[in-house]
Each structure stands twice: as C-alpha cells, then as structure tokens.
Amino acid sequence: MTAPAFSEANRRYVASLYRRALKTSLNWYVQRDLWREKALEIRARFTANKNVASTVELRKILENTERELEEFKHPDPYRYPTAPDGSKWERNVPPPIIPRIPPEELDEAGEADFILKELP
C-alpha cells in the first residue's frame, strides 16, 4: 500500500502558511476594509494552487511562499494592545499637532519662540 501524495501534515503546513500570510498582510494593512481586499488576493493565490498534483511543483510553490513571507515581514508587526510591546505602548503614535505660525510672528532665523509666546 502506498502513502497518499499529500498527507495531513502537508495540509496543516499549507493552512499554517495561509494563516501566516493573512497575519503578515494584516501588519501592513491595519484598516480592515483595505486588508480584506488583500486577504481575498491571498485566498485566490492559495486556491489557484489547490489542485497541484506534483510534489516537486508543490515544494517549489511552498518554498516561494516561505520566501515571500520572509521578504514582506513587517519590521514592527502588530501586537494586541495589551500584550507586551503592543499598540497600547505607542506603536504608530500619531504625530503631535503643531499649529501653523504666521510668518510675521517668526524671528530673524525663521523660528518661533515657543517659550515666550502663547500658541492659539
């Protein structure tokens, strides 16, 4: 009796790749409506290779997928807000809002004296 070409371990590995691809894309597309489009693209790519029968071809596809996941890995991946190093701890903090100073209020060097002047 021969072993099946694709075992349960292969299916789990592909499912793991799929989940990792979704999580990696979620690091780049934080807004869900934008991420959903990317998730559909990822799903289409996995579905297109669903019926690959050759183990050699499948190995190449899986290696390329691993390479792409490593290439597109986010340098500052999203973590749950309350997790250590999570977004609660200042990931993607918006820049401070600095009001525009009219040119007539700037000094000779083109800088505003924030200490002596009150901002509106």
C-alpha atoms as a PDB file:
ATOM      1  CA  MET A   1       0.000   0.000   0.000  1.00  0.00           C
ATOM      2  CA  THR A   2       1.411   3.398  -0.971  1.00  0.00           C
ATOM      3  CA  ALA A   3       1.213   6.535   1.130  1.00  0.00           C
ATOM      4  CA  PRO A   4      -1.003   9.343  -0.125  1.00  0.00           C
ATOM      5  CA  ALA A   5       0.813  12.055  -2.075  1.00  0.00           C
ATOM      6  CA  PHE A   6      -0.299  14.745   0.341  1.00  0.00           C
ATOM      7  CA  SER A   7      -0.598  13.829   3.981  1.00  0.00           C
ATOM      8  CA  GLU A   8      -2.375  15.540   6.848  1.00  0.00           C
ATOM      9  CA  ALA A   9       0.952  17.168   7.757  1.00  0.00           C
ATOM     10  CA  ASN A  10       1.065  18.803   4.309  1.00  0.00           C
ATOM     11  CA  ARG A  11      -2.456  20.150   4.728  1.00  0.00           C
ATOM     12  CA  ARG A  12      -1.582  21.565   8.154  1.00  0.00           C
ATOM     13  CA  TYR A  13       1.575  23.159   6.780  1.00  0.00           C
ATOM     14  CA  VAL A  14      -0.351  24.833   3.945  1.00  0.00           C
ATOM     15  CA  ALA A  15      -3.019  26.031   6.397  1.00  0.00           C
ATOM     16  CA  SER A  16      -0.239  27.429   8.587  1.00  0.00           C
ATOM     17  CA  LEU A  17       1.252  29.251   5.584  1.00  0.00           C
ATOM     18  CA  TYR A  18      -2.165  30.675   4.756  1.00  0.00           C
ATOM     19  CA  ARG A  19      -2.694  31.971   8.301  1.00  0.00           C
ATOM     20  CA  ARG A  20       0.816  33.433   8.393  1.00  0.00           C
ATOM     21  CA  ALA A  21       0.216  35.167   5.056  1.00  0.00           C
ATOM     22  CA  LEU A  22      -3.001  36.706   6.397  1.00  0.00           C
ATOM     23  CA  LYS A  23      -1.318  37.843   9.619  1.00  0.00           C
ATOM     24  CA  THR A  24       1.621  39.291   7.715  1.00  0.00           C
ATOM     25  CA  SER A  25      -0.688  41.251   5.436  1.00  0.00           C
ATOM     26  CA  LEU A  26      -2.654  42.482   8.457  1.00  0.00           C
ATOM     27  CA  ASN A  27       0.564  44.057   9.754  1.00  0.00           C
ATOM     28  CA  TRP A  28       0.745  46.180   6.598  1.00  0.00           C
ATOM     29  CA  TYR A  29      -2.986  46.912   6.164  1.00  0.00           C
ATOM     30  CA  VAL A  30      -4.335  47.889   9.566  1.00  0.00           C
ATOM     31  CA  GLN A  31      -7.684  49.138   8.221  1.00  0.00           C
ATOM     32  CA  ARG A  32      -9.922  46.103   7.759  1.00  0.00           C
ATOM     33  CA  ASP A  33     -11.584  47.288   4.543  1.00  0.00           C
ATOM     34  CA  LEU A  34      -8.187  47.636   2.840  1.00  0.00           C
ATOM     35  CA  TRP A  35      -6.911  44.410   4.365  1.00  0.00           C
ATOM     36  CA  ARG A  36      -9.961  42.473   3.181  1.00  0.00           C
ATOM     37  CA  GLU A  37      -9.014  43.101  -0.462  1.00  0.00           C
ATOM     38  CA  LYS A  38      -5.507  41.789   0.221  1.00  0.00           C
ATOM     39  CA  ALA A  39      -6.940  38.781   2.067  1.00  0.00           C
ATOM     40  CA  LEU A  40      -9.050  37.929  -0.982  1.00  0.00           C
ATOM     41  CA  GLU A  41      -5.944  38.147  -3.188  1.00  0.00           C
ATOM     42  CA  ILE A  42      -4.093  35.770  -0.853  1.00  0.00           C
ATOM     43  CA  ARG A  43      -7.041  33.385  -0.844  1.00  0.00           C
ATOM     44  CA  ALA A  44      -7.146  33.430  -4.665  1.00  0.00           C
ATOM     45  CA  ARG A  45      -3.432  32.598  -4.843  1.00  0.00           C
ATOM     46  CA  PHE A  46      -3.844  29.632  -2.487  1.00  0.00           C
ATOM     47  CA  THR A  47      -6.959  28.441  -4.305  1.00  0.00           C
ATOM     48  CA  ALA A  48      -5.193  28.632  -7.682  1.00  0.00           C
ATOM     49  CA  ASN A  49      -2.600  26.135  -6.425  1.00  0.00           C
ATOM     50  CA  LYS A  50      -5.116  23.886  -4.688  1.00  0.00           C
ATOM     51  CA  ASN A  51      -5.051  21.100  -7.278  1.00  0.00           C
ATOM     52  CA  VAL A  52      -1.286  20.807  -7.775  1.00  0.00           C
ATOM     53  CA  ALA A  53      -0.532  17.099  -8.140  1.00  0.00           C
ATOM     54  CA  SER A  54       3.251  17.130  -8.463  1.00  0.00           C
ATOM     55  CA  THR A  55       5.194  17.010  -5.215  1.00  0.00           C
ATOM     56  CA  VAL A  56       8.158  18.724  -6.888  1.00  0.00           C
ATOM     57  CA  GLU A  57       5.988  21.588  -8.099  1.00  0.00           C
ATOM     58  CA  LEU A  58       4.286  21.831  -4.705  1.00  0.00           C
ATOM     59  CA  ARG A  59       7.670  22.020  -2.964  1.00  0.00           C
ATOM     60  CA  LYS A  60       8.693  24.931  -5.234  1.00  0.00           C
ATOM     61  CA  ILE A  61       5.416  26.745  -4.541  1.00  0.00           C
ATOM     62  CA  LEU A  62       5.806  26.287  -0.778  1.00  0.00           C
ATOM     63  CA  GLU A  63       9.425  27.467  -0.845  1.00  0.00           C
ATOM     64  CA  ASN A  64       8.417  30.556  -2.844  1.00  0.00           C
ATOM     65  CA  THR A  65       5.631  31.255  -0.366  1.00  0.00           C
ATOM     66  CA  GLU A  66       8.053  30.977   2.580  1.00  0.00           C
ATOM     67  CA  ARG A  67      10.456  33.321   0.786  1.00  0.00           C
ATOM     68  CA  GLU A  68       7.696  35.861   0.119  1.00  0.00           C
ATOM     69  CA  LEU A  69       6.548  35.738   3.742  1.00  0.00           C
ATOM     70  CA  GLU A  70      10.087  36.431   4.909  1.00  0.00           C
ATOM     71  CA  GLU A  71      10.506  39.217   2.327  1.00  0.00           C
ATOM     72  CA  PHE A  72       7.274  41.005   3.271  1.00  0.00           C
ATOM     73  CA  LYS A  73       7.708  40.582   7.020  1.00  0.00           C
ATOM     74  CA  HIS A  74       6.830  43.830   8.787  1.00  0.00           C
ATOM     75  CA  PRO A  75       9.672  45.415  10.800  1.00  0.00           C
ATOM     76  CA  ASP A  76       7.202  46.409  13.529  1.00  0.00           C
ATOM     77  CA  PRO A  77       4.461  43.743  13.485  1.00  0.00           C
ATOM     78  CA  TYR A  78       1.103  44.419  15.092  1.00  0.00           C
ATOM     79  CA  ARG A  79       0.630  43.034  18.547  1.00  0.00           C
ATOM     80  CA  TYR A  80      -2.507  43.064  20.648  1.00  0.00           C
ATOM     81  CA  PRO A  81      -2.833  46.363  22.513  1.00  0.00           C
ATOM     82  CA  THR A  82      -2.382  44.893  25.979  1.00  0.00           C
ATOM     83  CA  ALA A  83       0.375  42.452  25.023  1.00  0.00           C
ATOM     84  CA  PRO A  84       3.994  43.348  25.830  1.00  0.00           C
ATOM     85  CA  ASP A  85       5.159  45.762  23.117  1.00  0.00           C
ATOM     86  CA  GLY A  86       1.535  46.039  21.953  1.00  0.00           C
ATOM     87  CA  SER A  87      -0.031  49.082  20.329  1.00  0.00           C
ATOM     88  CA  LYS A  88      -1.058  50.349  23.757  1.00  0.00           C
ATOM     89  CA  TRP A  89       2.637  51.021  24.231  1.00  0.00           C
ATOM     90  CA  GLU A  90       2.947  53.607  21.443  1.00  0.00           C
ATOM     91  CA  ARG A  91       3.116  51.730  18.150  1.00  0.00           C
ATOM     92  CA  ASN A  92       2.172  54.115  15.364  1.00  0.00           C
ATOM     93  CA  VAL A  93       1.606  57.052  17.659  1.00  0.00           C
ATOM     94  CA  PRO A  94       0.163  59.945  15.644  1.00  0.00           C
ATOM     95  CA  PRO A  95       2.490  62.931  15.361  1.00  0.00           C
ATOM     96  CA  PRO A  96       1.766  65.895  17.627  1.00  0.00           C
ATOM     97  CA  ILE A  97      -0.383  68.624  16.143  1.00  0.00           C
ATOM     98  CA  ILE A  98       1.669  71.801  15.867  1.00  0.00           C
ATOM     99  CA  PRO A  99      -0.252  74.901  14.838  1.00  0.00           C
ATOM    100  CA  ARG A 100       0.994  76.884  11.864  1.00  0.00           C
ATOM    101  CA  ILE A 101       2.791  80.045  12.944  1.00  0.00           C
ATOM    102  CA  PRO A 102       2.205  83.073  10.685  1.00  0.00           C
ATOM    103  CA  PRO A 103       5.442  84.352   9.061  1.00  0.00           C
ATOM    104  CA  GLU A 104       5.178  87.741  10.795  1.00  0.00           C
ATOM    105  CA  GLU A 105       5.487  86.003  14.181  1.00  0.00           C
ATOM    106  CA  LEU A 106       8.778  84.271  13.314  1.00  0.00           C
ATOM    107  CA  ASP A 107      12.122  85.717  14.358  1.00  0.00           C
ATOM    108  CA  GLU A 108      15.047  86.553  12.039  1.00  0.00           C
ATOM    109  CA  ALA A 109      16.206  82.932  11.877  1.00  0.00           C
ATOM    110  CA  GLY A 110      12.725  81.780  10.787  1.00  0.00           C
ATOM    111  CA  GLU A 111      11.964  80.090  14.095  1.00  0.00           C
ATOM    112  CA  ALA A 112       9.150  80.717  16.536  1.00  0.00           C
ATOM    113  CA  ASP A 113       9.888  81.456  20.159  1.00  0.00           C
ATOM    114  CA  PHE A 114       7.599  78.840  21.740  1.00  0.00           C
ATOM    115  CA  ILE A 115       8.720  79.600  25.271  1.00  0.00           C
ATOM    116  CA  LEU A 116       7.748  83.278  25.328  1.00  0.00           C
ATOM    117  CA  LYS A 117       4.684  83.173  23.080  1.00  0.00           C
ATOM    118  CA  GLU A 118       1.391  81.503  23.764  1.00  0.00           C
ATOM    119  CA  LEU A 119       0.061  79.310  20.992  1.00  0.00           C
ATOM    120  CA  PRO A 120      -3.529  79.892  19.834  1.00  0.00           C
END
